[in-house]
Amino acid sequence: MKIIIAGPGCPRCITTENNVRKACEELNIEAEITHLYDLKEFAKLGIIMTPAVVIDGKVVVMGKVPTVEEIKKILSKK
């Protein structure tokens, strides 16, 4: 599973990344987690608001900081 956190590096984006990592840890999911900072790349993915979470090429969260529980629910459906 490949997870991308898209955001310029603001506190909200950092919190989102931390929440994604914690959710993966709690669910024992091995994922390649990266942080994307390039605004041009955001547009290519269809992201217009940050923070955003992209799982295997699909934007699953955009414009809000998801909680660990919200991320766990999303991951459970994968």
PDB file of N, CA and C in Angstrom:
ATOM      1  N   MET A   1       0.852  -1.174   0.000  1.00  0.00           N
ATOM      2  CA  MET A   1       0.000   0.000   0.000  1.00  0.00           C
ATOM      3  C   MET A   1       0.894   1.231   0.000  1.00  0.00           C
ATOM      4  N   LYS A   2       0.549   2.203  -0.818  1.00  0.00           N
ATOM      5  CA  LYS A   2       1.309   3.440  -0.902  1.00  0.00           C
ATOM      6  C   LYS A   2       0.415   4.587  -0.462  1.00  0.00           C
ATOM      7  N   ILE A   3       0.864   5.325   0.550  1.00  0.00           N
ATOM      8  CA  ILE A   3       0.095   6.439   1.089  1.00  0.00           C
ATOM      9  C   ILE A   3       0.908   7.714   0.937  1.00  0.00           C
ATOM     10  N   ILE A   4       0.265   8.733   0.377  1.00  0.00           N
ATOM     11  CA  ILE A   4       0.911  10.035   0.219  1.00  0.00           C
ATOM     12  C   ILE A   4       0.146  11.062   1.037  1.00  0.00           C
ATOM     13  N   ILE A   5       0.892  11.829   1.836  1.00  0.00           N
ATOM     14  CA  ILE A   5       0.315  12.968   2.540  1.00  0.00           C
ATOM     15  C   ILE A   5       0.706  14.180   1.703  1.00  0.00           C
ATOM     16  N   ALA A   6      -0.260  14.941   1.257  1.00  0.00           N
ATOM     17  CA  ALA A   6       0.019  16.116   0.434  1.00  0.00           C
ATOM     18  C   ALA A   6      -0.235  17.374   1.252  1.00  0.00           C
ATOM     19  N   GLY A   7       0.785  18.207   1.334  1.00  0.00           N
ATOM     20  CA  GLY A   7       0.662  19.458   2.063  1.00  0.00           C
ATOM     21  C   GLY A   7       1.992  20.171   2.107  1.00  0.00           C
ATOM     22  N   PRO A   8       1.949  21.485   2.325  1.00  0.00           N
ATOM     23  CA  PRO A   8       3.165  22.288   2.276  1.00  0.00           C
ATOM     24  C   PRO A   8       4.087  22.145   3.487  1.00  0.00           C
ATOM     25  N   GLY A   9       3.687  21.374   4.470  1.00  0.00           N
ATOM     26  CA  GLY A   9       4.528  21.194   5.652  1.00  0.00           C
ATOM     27  C   GLY A   9       4.039  21.980   6.862  1.00  0.00           C
ATOM     28  N   CYS A  10       2.818  22.440   6.787  1.00  0.00           N
ATOM     29  CA  CYS A  10       2.226  23.192   7.894  1.00  0.00           C
ATOM     30  C   CYS A  10       1.899  22.244   9.055  1.00  0.00           C
ATOM     31  N   PRO A  11       1.598  22.791  10.229  1.00  0.00           N
ATOM     32  CA  PRO A  11       1.250  21.932  11.373  1.00  0.00           C
ATOM     33  C   PRO A  11       0.093  20.970  11.095  1.00  0.00           C
ATOM     34  N   ARG A  12      -0.903  21.402  10.316  1.00  0.00           N
ATOM     35  CA  ARG A  12      -2.037  20.523   9.987  1.00  0.00           C
ATOM     36  C   ARG A  12      -1.580  19.327   9.162  1.00  0.00           C
ATOM     37  N   CYS A  13      -0.649  19.572   8.248  1.00  0.00           N
ATOM     38  CA  CYS A  13      -0.141  18.495   7.389  1.00  0.00           C
ATOM     39  C   CYS A  13       0.713  17.519   8.194  1.00  0.00           C
ATOM     40  N   ILE A  14       1.490  18.049   9.109  1.00  0.00           N
ATOM     41  CA  ILE A  14       2.324  17.206   9.959  1.00  0.00           C
ATOM     42  C   ILE A  14       1.444  16.348  10.862  1.00  0.00           C
ATOM     43  N   THR A  15       0.386  16.939  11.403  1.00  0.00           N
ATOM     44  CA  THR A  15      -0.557  16.182  12.233  1.00  0.00           C
ATOM     45  C   THR A  15      -1.210  15.074  11.410  1.00  0.00           C
ATOM     46  N   THR A  16      -1.580  15.386  10.174  1.00  0.00           N
ATOM     47  CA  THR A  16      -2.187  14.383   9.298  1.00  0.00           C
ATOM     48  C   THR A  16      -1.229  13.220   9.080  1.00  0.00           C
ATOM     49  N   GLU A  17       0.029  13.524   8.794  1.00  0.00           N
ATOM     50  CA  GLU A  17       1.014  12.465   8.582  1.00  0.00           C
ATOM     51  C   GLU A  17       1.182  11.612   9.834  1.00  0.00           C
ATOM     52  N   ASN A  18       1.270  12.266  10.988  1.00  0.00           N
ATOM     53  CA  ASN A  18       1.403  11.523  12.252  1.00  0.00           C
ATOM     54  C   ASN A  18       0.194  10.623  12.491  1.00  0.00           C
ATOM     55  N   ASN A  19      -1.000  11.123  12.192  1.00  0.00           N
ATOM     56  CA  ASN A  19      -2.219  10.330  12.380  1.00  0.00           C
ATOM     57  C   ASN A  19      -2.256   9.128  11.441  1.00  0.00           C
ATOM     58  N   VAL A  20      -1.802   9.311  10.205  1.00  0.00           N
ATOM     59  CA  VAL A  20      -1.755   8.203   9.250  1.00  0.00           C
ATOM     60  C   VAL A  20      -0.778   7.140   9.739  1.00  0.00           C
ATOM     61  N   ARG A  21       0.384   7.564  10.181  1.00  0.00           N
ATOM     62  CA  ARG A  21       1.384   6.607  10.681  1.00  0.00           C
ATOM     63  C   ARG A  21       0.854   5.837  11.889  1.00  0.00           C
ATOM     64  N   LYS A  22       0.184   6.549  12.795  1.00  0.00           N
ATOM     65  CA  LYS A  22      -0.364   5.903  13.993  1.00  0.00           C
ATOM     66  C   LYS A  22      -1.455   4.906  13.615  1.00  0.00           C
ATOM     67  N   ALA A  23      -2.325   5.266  12.678  1.00  0.00           N
ATOM     68  CA  ALA A  23      -3.401   4.366  12.242  1.00  0.00           C
ATOM     69  C   ALA A  23      -2.821   3.100  11.624  1.00  0.00           C
ATOM     70  N   CYS A  24      -1.807   3.261  10.799  1.00  0.00           N
ATOM     71  CA  CYS A  24      -1.169   2.087  10.177  1.00  0.00           C
ATOM     72  C   CYS A  24      -0.537   1.199  11.238  1.00  0.00           C
ATOM     73  N   GLU A  25       0.105   1.835  12.203  1.00  0.00           N
ATOM     74  CA  GLU A  25       0.735   1.077  13.287  1.00  0.00           C
ATOM     75  C   GLU A  25      -0.304   0.299  14.089  1.00  0.00           C
ATOM     76  N   GLU A  26      -1.401   0.955  14.443  1.00  0.00           N
ATOM     77  CA  GLU A  26      -2.445   0.311  15.246  1.00  0.00           C
ATOM     78  C   GLU A  26      -3.120  -0.840  14.500  1.00  0.00           C
ATOM     79  N   LEU A  27      -3.194  -0.732  13.169  1.00  0.00           N
ATOM     80  CA  LEU A  27      -3.819  -1.787  12.372  1.00  0.00           C
ATOM     81  C   LEU A  27      -2.798  -2.807  11.848  1.00  0.00           C
ATOM     82  N   ASN A  28      -1.542  -2.612  12.222  1.00  0.00           N
ATOM     83  CA  ASN A  28      -0.453  -3.484  11.741  1.00  0.00           C
ATOM     84  C   ASN A  28      -0.415  -3.548  10.218  1.00  0.00           C
ATOM     85  N   ILE A  29      -0.565  -2.393   9.594  1.00  0.00           N
ATOM     86  CA  ILE A  29      -0.512  -2.295   8.135  1.00  0.00           C
ATOM     87  C   ILE A  29       0.856  -1.763   7.742  1.00  0.00           C
ATOM     88  N   GLU A  30       1.515  -2.500   6.851  1.00  0.00           N
ATOM     89  CA  GLU A  30       2.776  -2.020   6.315  1.00  0.00           C
ATOM     90  C   GLU A  30       2.465  -1.187   5.083  1.00  0.00           C
ATOM     91  N   ALA A  31       2.873   0.068   5.132  1.00  0.00           N
ATOM     92  CA  ALA A  31       2.605   0.967   4.010  1.00  0.00           C
ATOM     93  C   ALA A  31       3.828   1.835   3.747  1.00  0.00           C
ATOM     94  N   GLU A  32       3.987   2.179   2.504  1.00  0.00           N
ATOM     95  CA  GLU A  32       5.020   3.144   2.128  1.00  0.00           C
ATOM     96  C   GLU A  32       4.357   4.514   2.266  1.00  0.00           C
ATOM     97  N   ILE A  33       4.800   5.281   3.266  1.00  0.00           N
ATOM     98  CA  ILE A  33       4.188   6.586   3.544  1.00  0.00           C
ATOM     99  C   ILE A  33       5.181   7.678   3.161  1.00  0.00           C
ATOM    100  N   THR A  34       4.746   8.569   2.282  1.00  0.00           N
ATOM    101  CA  THR A  34       5.588   9.678   1.865  1.00  0.00           C
ATOM    102  C   THR A  34       4.822  10.986   2.009  1.00  0.00           C
ATOM    103  N   HIS A  35       5.573  12.080   2.057  1.00  0.00           N
ATOM    104  CA  HIS A  35       4.963  13.406   2.157  1.00  0.00           C
ATOM    105  C   HIS A  35       5.296  14.167   0.881  1.00  0.00           C
ATOM    106  N   LEU A  36       4.291  14.651   0.212  1.00  0.00           N
ATOM    107  CA  LEU A  36       4.443  15.396  -1.032  1.00  0.00           C
ATOM    108  C   LEU A  36       4.286  16.889  -0.728  1.00  0.00           C
ATOM    109  N   TYR A  37       5.302  17.678  -1.100  1.00  0.00           N
ATOM    110  CA  TYR A  37       5.294  19.116  -0.815  1.00  0.00           C
ATOM    111  C   TYR A  37       5.094  19.982  -2.060  1.00  0.00           C
ATOM    112  N   ASP A  38       5.193  19.413  -3.242  1.00  0.00           N
ATOM    113  CA  ASP A  38       5.182  20.151  -4.499  1.00  0.00           C
ATOM    114  C   ASP A  38       3.755  20.494  -4.933  1.00  0.00           C
ATOM    115  N   LEU A  39       3.467  21.793  -4.976  1.00  0.00           N
ATOM    116  CA  LEU A  39       2.116  22.249  -5.335  1.00  0.00           C
ATOM    117  C   LEU A  39       1.701  21.805  -6.737  1.00  0.00           C
ATOM    118  N   LYS A  40       2.639  21.740  -7.664  1.00  0.00           N
ATOM    119  CA  LYS A  40       2.319  21.304  -9.025  1.00  0.00           C
ATOM    120  C   LYS A  40       1.881  19.843  -9.031  1.00  0.00           C
ATOM    121  N   GLU A  41       2.492  19.042  -8.170  1.00  0.00           N
ATOM    122  CA  GLU A  41       2.120  17.628  -8.066  1.00  0.00           C
ATOM    123  C   GLU A  41       0.732  17.477  -7.442  1.00  0.00           C
ATOM    124  N   PHE A  42       0.382  18.383  -6.523  1.00  0.00           N
ATOM    125  CA  PHE A  42      -0.966  18.359  -5.931  1.00  0.00           C
ATOM    126  C   PHE A  42      -1.997  18.436  -7.048  1.00  0.00           C
ATOM    127  N   ALA A  43      -1.798  19.381  -7.961  1.00  0.00           N
ATOM    128  CA  ALA A  43      -2.742  19.595  -9.058  1.00  0.00           C
ATOM    129  C   ALA A  43      -2.867  18.350  -9.929  1.00  0.00           C
ATOM    130  N   LYS A  44      -1.756  17.679 -10.177  1.00  0.00           N
ATOM    131  CA  LYS A  44      -1.787  16.467 -10.994  1.00  0.00           C
ATOM    132  C   LYS A  44      -2.642  15.378 -10.348  1.00  0.00           C
ATOM    133  N   LEU A  45      -2.698  15.381  -9.013  1.00  0.00           N
ATOM    134  CA  LEU A  45      -3.494  14.385  -8.295  1.00  0.00           C
ATOM    135  C   LEU A  45      -4.941  14.847  -8.084  1.00  0.00           C
ATOM    136  N   GLY A  46      -5.245  16.072  -8.486  1.00  0.00           N
ATOM    137  CA  GLY A  46      -6.599  16.598  -8.309  1.00  0.00           C
ATOM    138  C   GLY A  46      -6.825  17.201  -6.935  1.00  0.00           C
ATOM    139  N   ILE A  47      -5.752  17.505  -6.233  1.00  0.00           N
ATOM    140  CA  ILE A  47      -5.863  18.058  -4.879  1.00  0.00           C
ATOM    141  C   ILE A  47      -5.941  19.575  -4.970  1.00  0.00           C
ATOM    142  N   ILE A  48      -7.013  20.138  -4.416  1.00  0.00           N
ATOM    143  CA  ILE A  48      -7.174  21.587  -4.431  1.00  0.00           C
ATOM    144  C   ILE A  48      -7.106  22.179  -3.022  1.00  0.00           C
ATOM    145  N   MET A  49      -7.186  21.326  -2.009  1.00  0.00           N
ATOM    146  CA  MET A  49      -7.088  21.778  -0.617  1.00  0.00           C
ATOM    147  C   MET A  49      -6.207  20.801   0.152  1.00  0.00           C
ATOM    148  N   THR A  50      -5.414  21.347   1.064  1.00  0.00           N
ATOM    149  CA  THR A  50      -4.567  20.491   1.892  1.00  0.00           C
ATOM    150  C   THR A  50      -4.974  20.652   3.350  1.00  0.00           C
ATOM    151  N   PRO A  51      -4.628  19.709   4.195  1.00  0.00           N
ATOM    152  CA  PRO A  51      -3.902  18.492   3.870  1.00  0.00           C
ATOM    153  C   PRO A  51      -4.785  17.500   3.113  1.00  0.00           C
ATOM    154  N   ALA A  52      -4.097  16.592   2.424  1.00  0.00           N
ATOM    155  CA  ALA A  52      -4.802  15.548   1.689  1.00  0.00           C
ATOM    156  C   ALA A  52      -4.087  14.222   1.910  1.00  0.00           C
ATOM    157  N   VAL A  53      -4.860  13.148   1.828  1.00  0.00           N
ATOM    158  CA  VAL A  53      -4.305  11.800   1.951  1.00  0.00           C
ATOM    159  C   VAL A  53      -4.677  11.043   0.680  1.00  0.00           C
ATOM    160  N   VAL A  54      -3.665  10.450   0.056  1.00  0.00           N
ATOM    161  CA  VAL A  54      -3.857   9.688  -1.169  1.00  0.00           C
ATOM    162  C   VAL A  54      -3.427   8.255  -0.897  1.00  0.00           C
ATOM    163  N   ILE A  55      -4.314   7.317  -1.119  1.00  0.00           N
ATOM    164  CA  ILE A  55      -3.993   5.902  -0.913  1.00  0.00           C
ATOM    165  C   ILE A  55      -4.062   5.188  -2.256  1.00  0.00           C
ATOM    166  N   ASP A  56      -2.940   4.615  -2.637  1.00  0.00           N
ATOM    167  CA  ASP A  56      -2.828   3.895  -3.911  1.00  0.00           C
ATOM    168  C   ASP A  56      -3.409   4.697  -5.076  1.00  0.00           C
ATOM    169  N   GLY A  57      -3.059   5.990  -5.121  1.00  0.00           N
ATOM    170  CA  GLY A  57      -3.459   6.842  -6.231  1.00  0.00           C
ATOM    171  C   GLY A  57      -4.826   7.482  -6.122  1.00  0.00           C
ATOM    172  N   LYS A  58      -5.574   7.184  -5.064  1.00  0.00           N
ATOM    173  CA  LYS A  58      -6.918   7.737  -4.899  1.00  0.00           C
ATOM    174  C   LYS A  58      -6.947   8.702  -3.714  1.00  0.00           C
ATOM    175  N   VAL A  59      -7.445   9.920  -3.958  1.00  0.00           N
ATOM    176  CA  VAL A  59      -7.559  10.911  -2.890  1.00  0.00           C
ATOM    177  C   VAL A  59      -8.715  10.485  -1.977  1.00  0.00           C
ATOM    178  N   VAL A  60      -8.408  10.235  -0.703  1.00  0.00           N
ATOM    179  CA  VAL A  60      -9.435   9.774   0.231  1.00  0.00           C
ATOM    180  C   VAL A  60      -9.790  10.830   1.281  1.00  0.00           C
ATOM    181  N   VAL A  61      -8.917  11.817   1.461  1.00  0.00           N
ATOM    182  CA  VAL A  61      -9.182  12.921   2.388  1.00  0.00           C
ATOM    183  C   VAL A  61      -8.610  14.182   1.754  1.00  0.00           C
ATOM    184  N   MET A  62      -9.373  15.282   1.834  1.00  0.00           N
ATOM    185  CA  MET A  62      -8.870  16.535   1.291  1.00  0.00           C
ATOM    186  C   MET A  62      -9.437  17.704   2.092  1.00  0.00           C
ATOM    187  N   GLY A  63      -8.538  18.617   2.495  1.00  0.00           N
ATOM    188  CA  GLY A  63      -8.962  19.848   3.139  1.00  0.00           C
ATOM    189  C   GLY A  63      -9.266  19.758   4.611  1.00  0.00           C
ATOM    190  N   LYS A  64      -8.897  18.639   5.247  1.00  0.00           N
ATOM    191  CA  LYS A  64      -9.124  18.527   6.694  1.00  0.00           C
ATOM    192  C   LYS A  64      -8.108  17.571   7.293  1.00  0.00           C
ATOM    193  N   VAL A  65      -7.941  17.695   8.595  1.00  0.00           N
ATOM    194  CA  VAL A  65      -7.045  16.790   9.317  1.00  0.00           C
ATOM    195  C   VAL A  65      -7.878  15.607   9.790  1.00  0.00           C
ATOM    196  N   PRO A  66      -7.660  14.433   9.212  1.00  0.00           N
ATOM    197  CA  PRO A  66      -8.430  13.264   9.645  1.00  0.00           C
ATOM    198  C   PRO A  66      -7.908  12.742  10.983  1.00  0.00           C
ATOM    199  N   THR A  67      -8.807  12.246  11.798  1.00  0.00           N
ATOM    200  CA  THR A  67      -8.390  11.646  13.062  1.00  0.00           C
ATOM    201  C   THR A  67      -7.813  10.258  12.790  1.00  0.00           C
ATOM    202  N   VAL A  68      -7.153   9.714  13.777  1.00  0.00           N
ATOM    203  CA  VAL A  68      -6.618   8.356  13.655  1.00  0.00           C
ATOM    204  C   VAL A  68      -7.765   7.393  13.380  1.00  0.00           C
ATOM    205  N   GLU A  69      -8.882   7.562  14.062  1.00  0.00           N
ATOM    206  CA  GLU A  69     -10.034   6.668  13.871  1.00  0.00           C
ATOM    207  C   GLU A  69     -10.603   6.768  12.459  1.00  0.00           C
ATOM    208  N   GLU A  70     -10.686   7.987  11.918  1.00  0.00           N
ATOM    209  CA  GLU A  70     -11.183   8.155  10.547  1.00  0.00           C
ATOM    210  C   GLU A  70     -10.268   7.439   9.551  1.00  0.00           C
ATOM    211  N   ILE A  71      -8.978   7.562   9.755  1.00  0.00           N
ATOM    212  CA  ILE A  71      -8.024   6.908   8.863  1.00  0.00           C
ATOM    213  C   ILE A  71      -8.133   5.392   8.989  1.00  0.00           C
ATOM    214  N   LYS A  72      -8.305   4.906  10.201  1.00  0.00           N
ATOM    215  CA  LYS A  72      -8.444   3.460  10.406  1.00  0.00           C
ATOM    216  C   LYS A  72      -9.660   2.929   9.670  1.00  0.00           C
ATOM    217  N   LYS A  73     -10.767   3.685   9.678  1.00  0.00           N
ATOM    218  CA  LYS A  73     -11.967   3.251   8.951  1.00  0.00           C
ATOM    219  C   LYS A  73     -11.708   3.190   7.460  1.00  0.00           C
ATOM    220  N   ILE A  74     -10.995   4.181   6.932  1.00  0.00           N
ATOM    221  CA  ILE A  74     -10.665   4.205   5.496  1.00  0.00           C
ATOM    222  C   ILE A  74      -9.775   3.014   5.159  1.00  0.00           C
ATOM    223  N   LEU A  75      -8.752   2.791   5.985  1.00  0.00           N
ATOM    224  CA  LEU A  75      -7.810   1.698   5.724  1.00  0.00           C
ATOM    225  C   LEU A  75      -8.467   0.331   5.838  1.00  0.00           C
ATOM    226  N   SER A  76      -9.448   0.219   6.715  1.00  0.00           N
ATOM    227  CA  SER A  76     -10.135  -1.057   6.910  1.00  0.00           C
ATOM    228  C   SER A  76     -10.914  -1.475   5.670  1.00  0.00           C
ATOM    229  N   LYS A  77     -11.284  -0.514   4.847  1.00  0.00           N
ATOM    230  CA  LYS A  77     -12.040  -0.795   3.627  1.00  0.00           C
ATOM    231  C   LYS A  77     -11.133  -1.182   2.458  1.00  0.00           C
ATOM    232  N   LYS A  78      -9.840  -1.029   2.633  1.00  0.00           N
ATOM    233  CA  LYS A  78      -8.877  -1.313   1.549  1.00  0.00           C
ATOM    234  C   LYS A  78      -8.536  -2.776   1.496  1.00  0.00           C
TER     235      LYS A  78
END
